[in-house]
Amino acid sequence: MARKKGREIHGWLIVDKPAGIGSTDVVSKVRWALDAKKAGHAGTLDPDATGVLAVALGEATKTVPILTEALKAYDFTVMWGAETASDDASGQVVKTSDARPDEAAIRAALPAFTGEIMQVPPAVSAVRVDGARAYDLAREGEAVELAARPLWVESLELLGASRDSAELRMVCGKGGYVRAIARDLGRKLGCLGHVAHLRRIWSGPFEAGDGIALDRIDRANQAEIEAALLPLQAALADLPQMQATEIGATRILNGNPGQVLGHAEFGEEVWVSRDGRPLCIGRYMGGEVQPSRVFNLG
């Protein structure tokens, strides 16, 4: 297989994604701008959504699963009175209602959407059905029955309300669909609803306010963009850090259990460094770490 072209560059670039572009297209722009050999992202945003899109470069892609599991926060607007095929404003209206909830009714309904809930993803989503993406099947006119799946919702709060809409903030775990929350909340209130605006305000340790605008990436040179890069370990803030001994570092870099200094629970996932250099993510086995992902930083 031909070797991929591009530079070996490692770290995170936090992009404040604008509406009107897909997450994969943002990654492609970043990779092109930096001439990076490898890039990916941690957590898809719908094309119409804005906010934090964390782009991993090089060996930072090995930390994507850690960030994917982290909590994320969204500010969104629900428009009452209509349900759409995609559960957002871009979809065709499929049902309407003249009913409108008052603020007290909205607040009373929110606790049912917190904690461990079961959520049916939107029909227009990236969920796979018999190997195909649900959104592809929906575009082909197929009726898609998606199974409910568990979702942890840390909090769901009302920020403001008018007759026809409500502003909410949700903090949730992996795999949450804000569009499904809007749809189900509208059904529970008997007024129907869909997402009109959606913004991810933070994802794990990364915040939208620290993100670089996409149009700046288009204008800036490589050095200016690289100045905004965060180190690979920026995604590992929620894991205990341990220090490898000199011999332990050599063993770890060869994929073997290596001696470390520090404390963690037996079997806990940790990350290991030596002289400030990240070496791996692995499991603490009592005085040693068994690496699961070794960083090849050259």
Protein backbone atom coordinates (compact mmCIF):
# COMPACT_ATOMS: atom_id res chain seq x y z
CA MET A 1 0.00 0.00 0.00
CA ALA A 2 1.33 3.47 -0.87
CA ARG A 3 2.56 5.51 2.04
CA LYS A 4 0.38 8.49 2.91
CA LYS A 5 1.93 11.83 2.13
CA GLY A 6 2.14 14.67 4.59
CA ARG A 7 4.04 15.90 7.60
CA GLU A 8 4.34 14.11 10.92
CA ILE A 9 2.58 16.59 13.18
CA HIS A 10 1.01 15.71 16.52
CA GLY A 11 -1.50 17.54 18.70
CA TRP A 12 -5.01 18.99 18.82
CA LEU A 13 -6.51 21.89 16.93
CA ILE A 14 -9.78 23.09 18.43
CA VAL A 15 -12.01 24.53 15.71
CA ASP A 16 -15.09 26.66 16.33
CA LYS A 17 -17.08 25.05 13.54
CA PRO A 18 -19.50 27.30 11.64
CA ALA A 19 -22.85 26.17 10.28
CA GLY A 20 -23.03 24.86 6.73
CA ILE A 21 -20.09 22.45 6.72
CA GLY A 22 -19.69 18.84 7.81
CA SER A 23 -17.23 17.65 10.44
CA THR A 24 -15.26 15.55 7.95
CA ASP A 25 -14.88 18.57 5.66
CA VAL A 26 -13.45 20.57 8.57
CA VAL A 27 -10.90 17.84 9.25
CA SER A 28 -9.93 17.84 5.57
CA LYS A 29 -9.38 21.61 5.64
CA VAL A 30 -7.18 21.38 8.74
CA ARG A 31 -5.19 18.48 7.32
CA TRP A 32 -4.67 20.35 4.04
CA ALA A 33 -3.71 23.61 5.77
CA LEU A 34 -1.06 21.88 7.89
CA ASP A 35 -0.06 19.30 5.26
CA ALA A 36 -0.62 16.75 8.03
CA LYS A 37 -0.16 13.06 7.36
CA LYS A 38 -2.97 11.95 9.66
CA ALA A 39 -6.03 13.66 11.13
CA GLY A 40 -9.39 12.83 12.67
CA HIS A 41 -11.99 14.33 14.99
CA ALA A 42 -13.60 13.47 18.32
CA GLY A 43 -17.38 13.72 18.03
CA THR A 44 -19.35 14.58 14.91
CA LEU A 45 -21.32 17.82 14.70
CA ASP A 46 -24.28 18.11 12.30
CA PRO A 47 -23.60 20.40 9.33
CA ASP A 48 -26.03 23.02 10.70
CA ALA A 49 -24.49 22.90 14.19
CA THR A 50 -21.69 25.16 15.42
CA GLY A 51 -19.10 25.02 18.17
CA VAL A 52 -16.30 22.79 19.41
CA LEU A 53 -14.88 20.35 16.91
CA ALA A 54 -11.68 18.86 18.28
CA VAL A 55 -9.36 17.84 15.44
CA ALA A 56 -6.66 15.30 16.31
CA LEU A 57 -3.41 15.25 14.35
CA GLY A 58 -0.89 12.43 14.11
CA GLU A 59 -0.46 10.42 17.30
CA ALA A 60 -3.18 12.49 18.98
CA THR A 61 -5.67 10.36 17.02
CA LYS A 62 -4.85 7.59 19.51
CA THR A 63 -6.43 9.71 22.26
CA VAL A 64 -9.71 10.24 20.36
CA PRO A 65 -11.50 7.39 22.21
CA ILE A 66 -10.74 9.12 25.52
CA LEU A 67 -12.29 12.39 24.40
CA THR A 68 -15.22 10.60 22.77
CA GLU A 69 -16.16 9.19 26.18
CA ALA A 70 -15.97 12.60 27.88
CA LEU A 71 -19.00 14.73 28.76
CA LYS A 72 -20.06 17.39 26.26
CA ALA A 73 -22.28 20.46 26.61
CA TYR A 74 -24.74 21.90 24.09
CA ASP A 75 -26.81 25.08 23.93
CA PHE A 76 -29.82 24.68 21.66
CA THR A 77 -33.13 26.20 20.65
CA VAL A 78 -36.26 24.10 20.33
CA MET A 79 -39.03 25.45 18.10
CA TRP A 80 -42.47 24.27 19.14
CA GLY A 81 -45.36 23.39 16.87
CA ALA A 82 -43.67 21.22 14.23
CA GLU A 83 -41.84 17.92 13.95
CA THR A 84 -39.53 17.39 10.99
CA ALA A 85 -38.14 14.35 9.20
CA SER A 86 -34.63 15.15 10.46
CA ASP A 87 -35.66 16.61 13.85
CA ASP A 88 -34.04 19.93 12.92
CA ALA A 89 -34.90 22.98 10.82
CA SER A 90 -33.40 21.53 7.64
CA GLY A 91 -35.91 18.69 7.45
CA GLN A 92 -39.36 18.54 5.89
CA VAL A 93 -42.21 19.21 8.31
CA VAL A 94 -44.10 15.96 8.91
CA LYS A 95 -46.46 16.96 11.75
CA THR A 96 -47.73 20.22 13.21
CA SER A 97 -49.48 21.30 16.40
CA ASP A 98 -51.15 24.48 17.63
CA ALA A 99 -50.38 23.63 21.25
CA ARG A 100 -47.70 25.60 23.08
CA PRO A 101 -46.19 24.77 26.50
CA ASP A 102 -45.75 27.32 29.25
CA GLU A 103 -42.50 27.66 31.16
CA ALA A 104 -43.79 25.66 34.14
CA ALA A 105 -44.70 22.71 31.90
CA ILE A 106 -41.29 22.75 30.25
CA ARG A 107 -39.47 22.76 33.60
CA ALA A 108 -41.67 19.95 34.88
CA ALA A 109 -40.87 17.80 31.83
CA LEU A 110 -37.07 18.13 31.97
CA PRO A 111 -36.31 15.64 34.80
CA ALA A 112 -37.61 12.79 32.61
CA PHE A 113 -34.71 13.51 30.24
CA THR A 114 -31.89 13.42 32.80
CA GLY A 115 -29.89 10.56 34.23
CA GLU A 116 -29.72 7.26 32.37
CA ILE A 117 -32.33 7.48 29.60
CA MET A 118 -33.18 5.48 26.48
CA GLN A 119 -33.03 7.49 23.28
CA VAL A 120 -34.06 6.60 19.73
CA PRO A 121 -31.62 8.36 17.34
CA PRO A 122 -33.04 10.56 14.56
CA ALA A 123 -33.89 8.77 11.33
CA VAL A 124 -31.39 11.09 9.61
CA SER A 125 -28.28 10.10 11.57
CA ALA A 126 -25.01 8.22 11.14
CA VAL A 127 -26.30 5.15 12.96
CA ARG A 128 -25.67 1.96 10.96
CA VAL A 129 -28.57 -0.29 9.96
CA ASP A 130 -27.48 -3.59 8.38
CA GLY A 131 -24.21 -1.95 7.35
CA ALA A 132 -25.75 1.18 5.85
CA ARG A 133 -25.98 4.65 7.38
CA ALA A 134 -29.48 5.60 8.51
CA TYR A 135 -29.27 8.94 6.67
CA ASP A 136 -28.51 7.17 3.38
CA LEU A 137 -31.53 4.89 3.83
CA ALA A 138 -33.72 7.87 4.71
CA ARG A 139 -32.62 9.73 1.57
CA GLU A 140 -33.59 6.67 -0.47
CA GLY A 141 -37.07 6.77 1.04
CA GLU A 142 -36.71 3.69 3.22
CA ALA A 143 -38.58 3.62 6.51
CA VAL A 144 -35.89 3.18 9.15
CA GLU A 145 -36.67 1.65 12.54
CA LEU A 146 -33.85 2.50 14.92
CA ALA A 147 -33.50 0.82 18.28
CA ALA A 148 -33.40 2.89 21.45
CA ARG A 149 -29.99 3.12 23.07
CA PRO A 150 -28.85 4.25 26.51
CA LEU A 151 -27.61 7.80 27.04
CA TRP A 152 -26.30 9.49 30.17
CA VAL A 153 -27.65 13.03 30.53
CA GLU A 154 -25.78 14.82 33.28
CA SER A 155 -28.09 17.85 33.21
CA LEU A 156 -30.77 19.52 31.10
CA GLU A 157 -31.73 23.05 32.04
CA LEU A 158 -34.04 25.70 30.68
CA LEU A 159 -32.22 28.95 29.89
CA GLY A 160 -35.19 30.90 28.55
CA ALA A 161 -38.59 30.48 26.93
CA SER A 162 -41.02 32.33 24.68
CA ARG A 163 -44.37 31.26 23.26
CA ASP A 164 -42.88 29.44 20.26
CA SER A 165 -39.45 28.35 21.46
CA ALA A 166 -37.22 27.43 24.37
CA GLU A 167 -33.48 27.80 24.97
CA LEU A 168 -31.87 24.84 26.72
CA ARG A 169 -28.47 23.56 27.79
CA MET A 170 -27.64 19.86 27.96
CA VAL A 171 -24.57 18.10 29.34
CA CYS A 172 -24.42 14.48 28.22
CA GLY A 173 -22.19 11.52 27.55
CA LYS A 174 -21.21 9.65 24.42
CA GLY A 175 -23.71 9.16 21.61
CA GLY A 176 -26.26 11.80 22.54
CA TYR A 177 -28.50 13.36 19.89
CA VAL A 178 -29.77 16.81 20.82
CA ARG A 179 -32.25 16.58 17.94
CA ALA A 180 -33.82 13.51 19.56
CA ILE A 181 -34.12 15.36 22.88
CA ALA A 182 -35.99 18.19 21.13
CA ARG A 183 -38.25 15.73 19.31
CA ASP A 184 -39.07 13.70 22.43
CA LEU A 185 -39.54 16.78 24.61
CA GLY A 186 -42.00 18.18 22.09
CA ARG A 187 -43.93 14.92 22.09
CA LYS A 188 -44.00 14.74 25.88
CA LEU A 189 -45.34 18.31 26.07
CA GLY A 190 -47.93 17.56 23.39
CA CYS A 191 -46.79 20.42 21.16
CA LEU A 192 -44.15 18.75 18.94
CA GLY A 193 -40.73 20.30 18.41
CA HIS A 194 -37.46 20.36 16.52
CA VAL A 195 -34.01 21.90 16.90
CA ALA A 196 -33.67 25.35 15.33
CA HIS A 197 -30.13 26.19 16.51
CA LEU A 198 -27.44 23.99 18.08
CA ARG A 199 -24.01 24.87 19.46
CA ARG A 200 -21.53 22.61 21.28
CA ILE A 201 -20.01 24.89 23.90
CA TRP A 202 -17.50 22.43 25.33
CA SER A 203 -16.27 18.88 24.84
CA GLY A 204 -14.22 17.35 27.63
CA PRO A 205 -11.42 19.85 28.36
CA PHE A 206 -11.97 21.88 25.17
CA GLU A 207 -14.17 24.98 24.96
CA ALA A 208 -15.66 26.80 21.99
CA GLY A 209 -14.21 30.08 23.21
CA ASP A 210 -10.72 28.66 22.73
CA GLY A 211 -11.46 27.40 19.21
CA ILE A 212 -9.98 28.82 16.03
CA ALA A 213 -12.44 30.09 13.42
CA LEU A 214 -12.53 28.08 10.20
CA ASP A 215 -12.10 31.17 8.01
CA ARG A 216 -8.90 31.96 9.93
CA ILE A 217 -7.57 28.53 8.94
CA ASP A 218 -8.27 29.43 5.30
CA ARG A 219 -6.29 32.69 5.63
CA ALA A 220 -3.46 31.76 7.99
CA ASN A 221 -0.11 30.21 7.12
CA GLN A 222 1.11 26.96 8.64
CA ALA A 223 3.15 28.63 11.38
CA GLU A 224 0.15 30.65 12.59
CA ILE A 225 -2.06 27.56 12.72
CA GLU A 226 0.61 25.50 14.46
CA ALA A 227 0.82 28.19 17.13
CA ALA A 228 -2.78 27.31 18.06
CA LEU A 229 -2.05 23.59 18.43
CA LEU A 230 -2.51 21.99 21.83
CA PRO A 231 -0.29 19.07 22.90
CA LEU A 232 -1.42 15.48 22.51
CA GLN A 233 -1.88 15.12 26.27
CA ALA A 234 -4.44 17.94 26.38
CA ALA A 235 -7.14 15.29 25.83
CA LEU A 236 -5.93 13.21 28.78
CA ALA A 237 -6.75 15.62 31.60
CA ASP A 238 -9.28 13.23 33.15
CA LEU A 239 -6.81 10.32 33.37
CA PRO A 240 -4.23 9.90 36.15
CA GLN A 241 -0.70 10.67 34.96
CA MET A 242 2.20 8.43 35.88
CA GLN A 243 5.94 8.76 35.34
CA ALA A 244 7.92 5.93 33.77
CA THR A 245 11.33 4.97 35.04
CA GLU A 246 14.16 4.96 32.49
CA ILE A 247 13.96 1.20 32.03
CA GLY A 248 10.17 1.30 32.18
CA ALA A 249 10.04 3.87 29.37
CA THR A 250 12.13 1.64 27.09
CA ARG A 251 9.89 -1.34 27.77
CA ILE A 252 6.69 0.66 27.25
CA LEU A 253 7.87 2.07 23.91
CA ASN A 254 8.41 -1.54 22.81
CA GLY A 255 4.84 -2.41 23.79
CA ASN A 256 5.73 -4.23 27.02
CA PRO A 257 4.65 -3.59 30.62
CA GLY A 258 6.93 -0.98 32.16
CA GLN A 259 7.71 0.26 35.65
CA VAL A 260 6.08 3.56 36.65
CA LEU A 261 6.02 5.93 39.60
CA GLY A 262 2.80 7.30 41.03
CA HIS A 263 -0.50 5.98 42.35
CA ALA A 264 -3.70 4.79 40.74
CA GLU A 265 -6.31 2.12 41.35
CA PHE A 266 -5.33 -1.33 40.15
CA GLY A 267 -6.66 -1.80 36.60
CA GLU A 268 -7.37 1.92 36.17
CA GLU A 269 -6.69 3.53 32.80
CA VAL A 270 -3.78 5.99 33.04
CA TRP A 271 -1.36 7.81 30.80
CA VAL A 272 2.40 7.64 31.16
CA SER A 273 5.13 10.14 30.40
CA ARG A 274 8.90 10.38 30.74
CA ASP A 275 10.70 13.73 31.00
CA GLY A 276 7.52 15.49 29.84
CA ARG A 277 7.11 13.28 26.78
CA PRO A 278 3.87 11.22 26.51
CA LEU A 279 4.63 7.52 26.13
CA CYS A 280 1.34 5.65 26.25
CA ILE A 281 -2.15 5.08 27.53
CA GLY A 282 -2.53 1.86 29.48
CA ARG A 283 -3.75 -0.02 32.56
CA TYR A 284 -2.06 0.32 35.93
CA MET A 285 -1.13 -3.15 37.15
CA GLY A 286 0.54 -2.26 40.42
CA GLY A 287 3.98 -0.72 39.91
CA GLU A 288 3.76 -1.28 36.15
CA VAL A 289 1.57 -0.12 33.28
CA GLN A 290 0.43 -2.43 30.52
CA PRO A 291 0.31 -0.14 27.44
CA SER A 292 -2.72 -0.26 25.16
CA ARG A 293 -1.77 2.66 22.90
CA VAL A 294 1.89 3.65 22.53
CA PHE A 295 2.73 7.09 21.15
CA ASN A 296 5.33 7.12 18.39
CA LEU A 297 6.50 10.72 18.52
CA GLY A 298 9.81 10.13 16.73
